[in-house]
Amino acid sequence: MRAVREKDLQEFAKKQAEMEATLRDHREEQRVEQEHIRLEQEERMKRKQERMQQEQERMRKEQERLRAEISKELEKKMSSVMEKKMSDMSKRLFSQFGGSKDLARSTVPEDGKGDSAYGESRRTTSQDVAQSCYEGKEQPPV
């Protein structure tokens, strides 16, 4: 009886050792699988983050391009508006003051050879117009 008991005890210890080994193997497999999953997730997150950074950079460049385009268009419109305003102001000044003789002499004749009275060729500017309007009067602040 004692021998049977001893044999049963040995078989039990052997099976227990096998089960513990199996459990250790299973836990190691789970740990390896979990590590593999974690690495895959990290890699996916890294790729996703890189794509987001690339998209942000693309959007930043597009925004910069649009700002430059808008700025260029705005500058064109402002230039056009200023030219129109200057033209309108010149027309008003000419009509208001009837065009000064001095101002008429300072313009370039149609033949483009210059004014013989001044011996030079130059174009009338808005400052010329303003100055001719205030000849002999106090000049407005510039």
N, C-alpha and C. Protein backbone atom coordinates (compact mmCIF):
# COMPACT_ATOMS: atom_id res chain seq x y z
N MET A 1 0.81 -1.18 0.00
CA MET A 1 0.00 0.00 0.00
C MET A 1 0.86 1.26 0.00
N ARG A 2 1.84 1.16 0.81
CA ARG A 2 2.74 2.29 0.87
C ARG A 2 3.41 2.50 -0.49
N ALA A 3 3.78 1.50 -1.17
CA ALA A 3 4.43 1.59 -2.46
C ALA A 3 3.48 2.20 -3.49
N VAL A 4 2.20 1.84 -3.42
CA VAL A 4 1.20 2.39 -4.35
C VAL A 4 1.04 3.88 -4.08
N ARG A 5 0.98 4.16 -2.80
CA ARG A 5 0.83 5.57 -2.43
C ARG A 5 2.02 6.39 -2.91
N GLU A 6 3.19 5.85 -2.73
CA GLU A 6 4.42 6.51 -3.14
C GLU A 6 4.41 6.70 -4.66
N LYS A 7 3.99 5.67 -5.38
CA LYS A 7 3.92 5.74 -6.83
C LYS A 7 2.91 6.81 -7.25
N ASP A 8 1.73 6.82 -6.62
CA ASP A 8 0.71 7.85 -6.93
C ASP A 8 1.25 9.25 -6.66
N LEU A 9 1.95 9.36 -5.56
CA LEU A 9 2.52 10.66 -5.20
C LEU A 9 3.55 11.10 -6.24
N GLN A 10 4.36 10.18 -6.71
CA GLN A 10 5.36 10.51 -7.74
C GLN A 10 4.66 10.90 -9.05
N GLU A 11 3.62 10.15 -9.40
CA GLU A 11 2.88 10.49 -10.62
C GLU A 11 2.23 11.86 -10.49
N PHE A 12 1.68 12.13 -9.32
CA PHE A 12 1.06 13.43 -9.07
C PHE A 12 2.09 14.55 -9.19
N ALA A 13 3.26 14.35 -8.59
CA ALA A 13 4.33 15.36 -8.64
C ALA A 13 4.80 15.54 -10.09
N LYS A 14 4.88 14.43 -10.82
CA LYS A 14 5.29 14.50 -12.21
C LYS A 14 4.27 15.28 -13.03
N LYS A 15 2.98 14.98 -12.85
CA LYS A 15 1.93 15.69 -13.58
C LYS A 15 1.89 17.16 -13.18
N GLN A 16 2.10 17.42 -11.89
CA GLN A 16 2.11 18.81 -11.43
C GLN A 16 3.26 19.56 -12.07
N ALA A 17 4.42 18.96 -12.16
CA ALA A 17 5.59 19.58 -12.78
C ALA A 17 5.31 19.83 -14.26
N GLU A 18 4.67 18.87 -14.94
CA GLU A 18 4.31 19.04 -16.34
C GLU A 18 3.32 20.20 -16.51
N MET A 19 2.33 20.25 -15.64
CA MET A 19 1.33 21.32 -15.71
C MET A 19 1.97 22.68 -15.45
N GLU A 20 2.88 22.74 -14.49
CA GLU A 20 3.57 24.00 -14.21
C GLU A 20 4.42 24.42 -15.40
N ALA A 21 5.08 23.46 -16.05
CA ALA A 21 5.89 23.76 -17.23
C ALA A 21 4.99 24.25 -18.36
N THR A 22 3.86 23.57 -18.54
CA THR A 22 2.90 23.98 -19.57
C THR A 22 2.39 25.40 -19.28
N LEU A 23 2.07 25.65 -18.01
CA LEU A 23 1.59 26.97 -17.62
C LEU A 23 2.67 28.03 -17.86
N ARG A 24 3.92 27.72 -17.53
CA ARG A 24 5.02 28.67 -17.79
C ARG A 24 5.17 28.93 -19.28
N ASP A 25 5.10 27.85 -20.08
CA ASP A 25 5.19 28.00 -21.53
C ASP A 25 4.06 28.87 -22.06
N HIS A 26 2.85 28.58 -21.55
CA HIS A 26 1.69 29.36 -21.98
C HIS A 26 1.84 30.84 -21.60
N ARG A 27 2.29 31.10 -20.38
CA ARG A 27 2.50 32.49 -19.95
C ARG A 27 3.57 33.16 -20.79
N GLU A 28 4.63 32.45 -21.14
CA GLU A 28 5.68 33.01 -21.97
C GLU A 28 5.14 33.31 -23.37
N GLU A 29 4.33 32.40 -23.91
CA GLU A 29 3.72 32.64 -25.22
C GLU A 29 2.83 33.88 -25.17
N GLN A 30 2.06 34.01 -24.10
CA GLN A 30 1.20 35.19 -23.95
C GLN A 30 2.02 36.47 -23.86
N ARG A 31 3.10 36.40 -23.08
CA ARG A 31 3.96 37.57 -22.94
C ARG A 31 4.55 37.96 -24.30
N VAL A 32 5.03 36.99 -25.06
CA VAL A 32 5.61 37.25 -26.38
C VAL A 32 4.53 37.82 -27.30
N GLU A 33 3.33 37.24 -27.27
CA GLU A 33 2.23 37.72 -28.11
C GLU A 33 1.85 39.16 -27.72
N GLN A 34 1.78 39.43 -26.43
CA GLN A 34 1.45 40.79 -25.96
C GLN A 34 2.53 41.78 -26.41
N GLU A 35 3.77 41.38 -26.32
CA GLU A 35 4.87 42.25 -26.76
C GLU A 35 4.77 42.50 -28.27
N HIS A 36 4.46 41.46 -29.02
CA HIS A 36 4.29 41.60 -30.47
C HIS A 36 3.13 42.57 -30.78
N ILE A 37 2.02 42.43 -30.09
CA ILE A 37 0.87 43.33 -30.28
C ILE A 37 1.25 44.77 -29.94
N ARG A 38 1.95 44.93 -28.82
CA ARG A 38 2.36 46.27 -28.38
C ARG A 38 3.27 46.92 -29.44
N LEU A 39 4.22 46.16 -29.97
CA LEU A 39 5.13 46.69 -30.99
C LEU A 39 4.37 47.06 -32.26
N GLU A 40 3.42 46.24 -32.67
CA GLU A 40 2.60 46.56 -33.84
C GLU A 40 1.81 47.84 -33.62
N GLN A 41 1.23 47.98 -32.43
CA GLN A 41 0.47 49.20 -32.12
C GLN A 41 1.37 50.43 -32.14
N GLU A 42 2.55 50.31 -31.57
CA GLU A 42 3.49 51.42 -31.58
C GLU A 42 3.86 51.80 -33.01
N GLU A 43 4.09 50.79 -33.84
CA GLU A 43 4.45 51.04 -35.24
C GLU A 43 3.30 51.72 -35.98
N ARG A 44 2.07 51.25 -35.76
CA ARG A 44 0.90 51.88 -36.38
C ARG A 44 0.76 53.32 -35.92
N MET A 45 0.93 53.56 -34.64
CA MET A 45 0.83 54.92 -34.10
C MET A 45 1.92 55.81 -34.70
N LYS A 46 3.12 55.28 -34.84
CA LYS A 46 4.22 56.06 -35.41
C LYS A 46 3.91 56.43 -36.86
N ARG A 47 3.42 55.46 -37.65
CA ARG A 47 3.06 55.75 -39.04
C ARG A 47 1.93 56.77 -39.11
N LYS A 48 0.94 56.61 -38.25
CA LYS A 48 -0.18 57.55 -38.22
C LYS A 48 0.31 58.96 -37.87
N GLN A 49 1.19 59.05 -36.91
CA GLN A 49 1.74 60.34 -36.50
C GLN A 49 2.56 60.97 -37.64
N GLU A 50 3.33 60.15 -38.35
CA GLU A 50 4.09 60.66 -39.49
C GLU A 50 3.16 61.17 -40.58
N ARG A 51 2.08 60.44 -40.85
CA ARG A 51 1.11 60.89 -41.86
C ARG A 51 0.47 62.21 -41.42
N MET A 52 0.15 62.32 -40.16
CA MET A 52 -0.45 63.57 -39.65
C MET A 52 0.53 64.72 -39.80
N GLN A 53 1.80 64.49 -39.50
CA GLN A 53 2.80 65.55 -39.64
C GLN A 53 2.96 65.94 -41.10
N GLN A 54 2.95 64.96 -41.99
CA GLN A 54 3.06 65.26 -43.42
C GLN A 54 1.85 66.07 -43.86
N GLU A 55 0.67 65.70 -43.38
CA GLU A 55 -0.55 66.42 -43.75
C GLU A 55 -0.51 67.85 -43.19
N GLN A 56 -0.04 68.00 -41.97
CA GLN A 56 0.09 69.34 -41.39
C GLN A 56 1.06 70.18 -42.20
N GLU A 57 2.18 69.59 -42.62
CA GLU A 57 3.16 70.32 -43.42
C GLU A 57 2.56 70.71 -44.76
N ARG A 58 1.83 69.78 -45.38
CA ARG A 58 1.18 70.07 -46.65
C ARG A 58 0.17 71.20 -46.48
N MET A 59 -0.59 71.17 -45.41
CA MET A 59 -1.58 72.22 -45.15
C MET A 59 -0.89 73.55 -44.87
N ARG A 60 0.23 73.51 -44.15
CA ARG A 60 0.96 74.75 -43.86
C ARG A 60 1.48 75.37 -45.16
N LYS A 61 2.02 74.53 -46.04
CA LYS A 61 2.52 75.04 -47.32
C LYS A 61 1.39 75.60 -48.17
N GLU A 62 0.26 74.90 -48.18
CA GLU A 62 -0.90 75.37 -48.96
C GLU A 62 -1.39 76.71 -48.40
N GLN A 63 -1.43 76.81 -47.07
CA GLN A 63 -1.85 78.06 -46.43
C GLN A 63 -0.88 79.19 -46.78
N GLU A 64 0.40 78.89 -46.76
CA GLU A 64 1.41 79.89 -47.12
C GLU A 64 1.23 80.34 -48.58
N ARG A 65 1.00 79.37 -49.47
CA ARG A 65 0.80 79.68 -50.88
C ARG A 65 -0.44 80.55 -51.06
N LEU A 66 -1.52 80.20 -50.37
CA LEU A 66 -2.75 80.98 -50.48
C LEU A 66 -2.57 82.39 -49.92
N ARG A 67 -1.85 82.50 -48.81
CA ARG A 67 -1.60 83.83 -48.25
C ARG A 67 -0.82 84.69 -49.24
N ALA A 68 0.20 84.09 -49.87
CA ALA A 68 1.00 84.83 -50.86
C ALA A 68 0.13 85.24 -52.04
N GLU A 69 -0.72 84.32 -52.49
CA GLU A 69 -1.61 84.62 -53.62
C GLU A 69 -2.59 85.74 -53.26
N ILE A 70 -3.17 85.65 -52.08
CA ILE A 70 -4.11 86.68 -51.63
C ILE A 70 -3.39 88.02 -51.49
N SER A 71 -2.19 87.98 -50.92
CA SER A 71 -1.42 89.21 -50.75
C SER A 71 -1.11 89.84 -52.09
N LYS A 72 -0.74 89.01 -53.07
CA LYS A 72 -0.42 89.51 -54.40
C LYS A 72 -1.66 90.14 -55.04
N GLU A 73 -2.80 89.44 -54.94
CA GLU A 73 -4.04 89.97 -55.50
C GLU A 73 -4.45 91.26 -54.81
N LEU A 74 -4.32 91.29 -53.48
CA LEU A 74 -4.67 92.49 -52.72
C LEU A 74 -3.77 93.65 -53.13
N GLU A 75 -2.49 93.36 -53.30
CA GLU A 75 -1.55 94.41 -53.71
C GLU A 75 -1.93 94.96 -55.09
N LYS A 76 -2.31 94.06 -56.01
CA LYS A 76 -2.74 94.50 -57.34
C LYS A 76 -3.97 95.39 -57.23
N LYS A 77 -4.95 94.96 -56.45
CA LYS A 77 -6.17 95.74 -56.31
C LYS A 77 -5.89 97.09 -55.65
N MET A 78 -5.06 97.09 -54.62
CA MET A 78 -4.72 98.34 -53.93
C MET A 78 -4.00 99.28 -54.90
N SER A 79 -3.09 98.74 -55.69
CA SER A 79 -2.37 99.55 -56.66
C SER A 79 -3.35 100.14 -57.67
N SER A 80 -4.25 99.32 -58.14
CA SER A 80 -5.25 99.77 -59.11
C SER A 80 -6.13 100.86 -58.50
N VAL A 81 -6.56 100.65 -57.25
CA VAL A 81 -7.40 101.64 -56.58
C VAL A 81 -6.64 102.94 -56.38
N MET A 82 -5.37 102.84 -55.98
CA MET A 82 -4.57 104.05 -55.77
C MET A 82 -4.35 104.79 -57.08
N GLU A 83 -4.08 104.05 -58.15
CA GLU A 83 -3.92 104.70 -59.46
C GLU A 83 -5.20 105.42 -59.85
N LYS A 84 -6.33 104.77 -59.65
CA LYS A 84 -7.62 105.37 -59.99
C LYS A 84 -7.85 106.63 -59.15
N LYS A 85 -7.57 106.54 -57.85
CA LYS A 85 -7.76 107.71 -56.98
C LYS A 85 -6.85 108.85 -57.39
N MET A 86 -5.60 108.52 -57.72
CA MET A 86 -4.67 109.57 -58.13
C MET A 86 -5.13 110.20 -59.45
N SER A 87 -5.60 109.37 -60.35
CA SER A 87 -6.10 109.87 -61.62
C SER A 87 -7.31 110.78 -61.39
N ASP A 88 -8.23 110.32 -60.56
CA ASP A 88 -9.42 111.13 -60.26
C ASP A 88 -9.03 112.45 -59.60
N MET A 89 -8.06 112.38 -58.66
CA MET A 89 -7.64 113.59 -57.97
C MET A 89 -6.99 114.56 -58.97
N SER A 90 -6.16 114.03 -59.86
CA SER A 90 -5.53 114.88 -60.87
C SER A 90 -6.58 115.54 -61.75
N LYS A 91 -7.56 114.76 -62.17
CA LYS A 91 -8.62 115.33 -63.01
C LYS A 91 -9.38 116.42 -62.28
N ARG A 92 -9.69 116.17 -61.00
CA ARG A 92 -10.40 117.19 -60.22
C ARG A 92 -9.56 118.44 -60.07
N LEU A 93 -8.27 118.26 -59.79
CA LEU A 93 -7.41 119.42 -59.63
C LEU A 93 -7.29 120.20 -60.94
N PHE A 94 -7.13 119.50 -62.05
CA PHE A 94 -7.05 120.17 -63.34
C PHE A 94 -8.35 120.91 -63.64
N SER A 95 -9.47 120.24 -63.37
CA SER A 95 -10.75 120.90 -63.68
C SER A 95 -11.01 122.05 -62.70
N GLN A 96 -10.61 121.88 -61.46
CA GLN A 96 -10.85 122.92 -60.45
C GLN A 96 -10.01 124.16 -60.71
N PHE A 97 -8.76 123.95 -61.07
CA PHE A 97 -7.86 125.08 -61.24
C PHE A 97 -7.60 125.41 -62.71
N GLY A 98 -8.23 124.70 -63.60
CA GLY A 98 -8.14 125.00 -65.02
C GLY A 98 -6.77 124.71 -65.61
N GLY A 99 -5.91 124.00 -64.95
CA GLY A 99 -4.60 123.66 -65.49
C GLY A 99 -3.70 124.87 -65.54
N SER A 100 -2.72 124.96 -64.70
CA SER A 100 -1.78 126.08 -64.63
C SER A 100 -0.90 126.11 -65.87
N LYS A 101 -0.51 127.32 -66.31
CA LYS A 101 0.38 127.43 -67.46
C LYS A 101 1.74 126.82 -67.13
N ASP A 102 2.19 127.05 -65.89
CA ASP A 102 3.47 126.46 -65.48
C ASP A 102 3.40 124.94 -65.54
N LEU A 103 2.28 124.41 -65.13
CA LEU A 103 2.10 122.97 -65.14
C LEU A 103 2.06 122.46 -66.57
N ALA A 104 1.41 123.19 -67.45
CA ALA A 104 1.33 122.79 -68.85
C ALA A 104 2.71 122.79 -69.48
N ARG A 105 3.59 123.73 -69.11
CA ARG A 105 4.94 123.78 -69.67
C ARG A 105 5.79 122.63 -69.17
N SER A 106 5.50 122.14 -67.98
CA SER A 106 6.36 121.11 -67.40
C SER A 106 6.01 119.72 -67.90
N THR A 107 4.98 119.57 -68.69
CA THR A 107 4.62 118.25 -69.19
C THR A 107 5.42 117.94 -70.45
N VAL A 108 5.50 116.69 -70.79
CA VAL A 108 6.23 116.25 -71.98
C VAL A 108 5.33 116.43 -73.18
N PRO A 109 5.78 117.11 -74.22
CA PRO A 109 4.96 117.26 -75.42
C PRO A 109 4.77 115.92 -76.11
N GLU A 110 3.81 115.88 -77.02
CA GLU A 110 3.50 114.63 -77.69
C GLU A 110 4.67 114.11 -78.51
N ASP A 111 5.53 115.01 -79.02
CA ASP A 111 6.66 114.53 -79.81
C ASP A 111 7.74 113.91 -78.92
N GLY A 112 7.62 114.07 -77.56
CA GLY A 112 8.52 113.44 -76.61
C GLY A 112 9.89 114.06 -76.55
N LYS A 113 10.11 115.25 -77.13
CA LYS A 113 11.44 115.86 -77.18
C LYS A 113 11.70 116.78 -76.00
N GLY A 114 10.74 116.95 -75.12
CA GLY A 114 10.97 117.79 -73.96
C GLY A 114 10.45 119.19 -74.17
N ASP A 115 10.43 119.95 -73.10
CA ASP A 115 9.92 121.32 -73.10
C ASP A 115 11.10 122.25 -73.34
N SER A 116 11.02 123.05 -74.39
CA SER A 116 12.12 123.95 -74.72
C SER A 116 12.28 125.02 -73.65
N ALA A 117 11.20 125.34 -72.93
CA ALA A 117 11.30 126.36 -71.89
C ALA A 117 12.16 125.87 -70.73
N TYR A 118 12.17 124.59 -70.47
CA TYR A 118 12.95 124.07 -69.35
C TYR A 118 14.17 123.29 -69.82
N GLY A 119 14.23 122.93 -71.10
CA GLY A 119 15.38 122.21 -71.62
C GLY A 119 15.48 120.78 -71.11
N GLU A 120 14.38 120.20 -70.68
CA GLU A 120 14.43 118.83 -70.18
C GLU A 120 13.09 118.15 -70.44
N SER A 121 13.11 116.86 -70.33
CA SER A 121 11.89 116.08 -70.53
C SER A 121 11.50 115.45 -69.20
N ARG A 122 10.26 115.68 -68.76
CA ARG A 122 9.80 115.02 -67.54
C ARG A 122 8.29 114.88 -67.56
N ARG A 123 7.80 113.96 -66.80
CA ARG A 123 6.37 113.72 -66.74
C ARG A 123 5.78 114.44 -65.53
N THR A 124 4.52 114.82 -65.67
CA THR A 124 3.82 115.46 -64.56
C THR A 124 3.48 114.41 -63.53
N THR A 125 3.77 114.73 -62.28
CA THR A 125 3.42 113.81 -61.19
C THR A 125 2.33 114.45 -60.36
N SER A 126 1.76 113.67 -59.46
CA SER A 126 0.72 114.21 -58.59
C SER A 126 1.30 115.32 -57.70
N GLN A 127 2.58 115.22 -57.36
CA GLN A 127 3.19 116.30 -56.56
C GLN A 127 3.27 117.58 -57.38
N ASP A 128 3.58 117.46 -58.67
CA ASP A 128 3.61 118.64 -59.53
C ASP A 128 2.24 119.30 -59.55
N VAL A 129 1.21 118.47 -59.66
CA VAL A 129 -0.15 119.00 -59.71
C VAL A 129 -0.47 119.72 -58.41
N ALA A 130 -0.15 119.07 -57.29
CA ALA A 130 -0.44 119.67 -55.99
C ALA A 130 0.35 120.97 -55.81
N GLN A 131 1.63 120.97 -56.21
CA GLN A 131 2.43 122.18 -56.05
C GLN A 131 1.89 123.32 -56.91
N SER A 132 1.46 123.01 -58.11
CA SER A 132 0.96 124.07 -58.98
C SER A 132 -0.32 124.68 -58.41
N CYS A 133 -1.07 123.88 -57.67
CA CYS A 133 -2.31 124.38 -57.07
C CYS A 133 -2.02 125.34 -55.92
N TYR A 134 -0.88 125.14 -55.27
CA TYR A 134 -0.58 125.93 -54.09
C TYR A 134 0.51 126.97 -54.35
N GLU A 135 0.80 127.29 -55.58
CA GLU A 135 1.84 128.28 -55.86
C GLU A 135 1.47 129.61 -55.22
N GLY A 136 2.41 130.11 -54.45
CA GLY A 136 2.21 131.40 -53.81
C GLY A 136 1.40 131.26 -52.52
N LYS A 137 0.94 130.08 -52.19
CA LYS A 137 0.19 129.85 -50.97
C LYS A 137 0.99 128.94 -50.06
N GLU A 138 0.51 128.84 -48.84
CA GLU A 138 1.17 127.96 -47.89
C GLU A 138 1.00 126.51 -48.33
N GLN A 139 2.09 125.74 -48.35
CA GLN A 139 2.02 124.34 -48.81
C GLN A 139 1.36 123.48 -47.72
N PRO A 140 0.55 122.52 -48.15
CA PRO A 140 -0.05 121.62 -47.17
C PRO A 140 1.00 120.64 -46.64
N PRO A 141 0.79 120.13 -45.43
CA PRO A 141 1.76 119.18 -44.90
C PRO A 141 1.75 117.90 -45.74
N VAL A 142 2.93 117.31 -45.94
CA VAL A 142 3.05 116.11 -46.78
C VAL A 142 3.05 114.88 -45.95
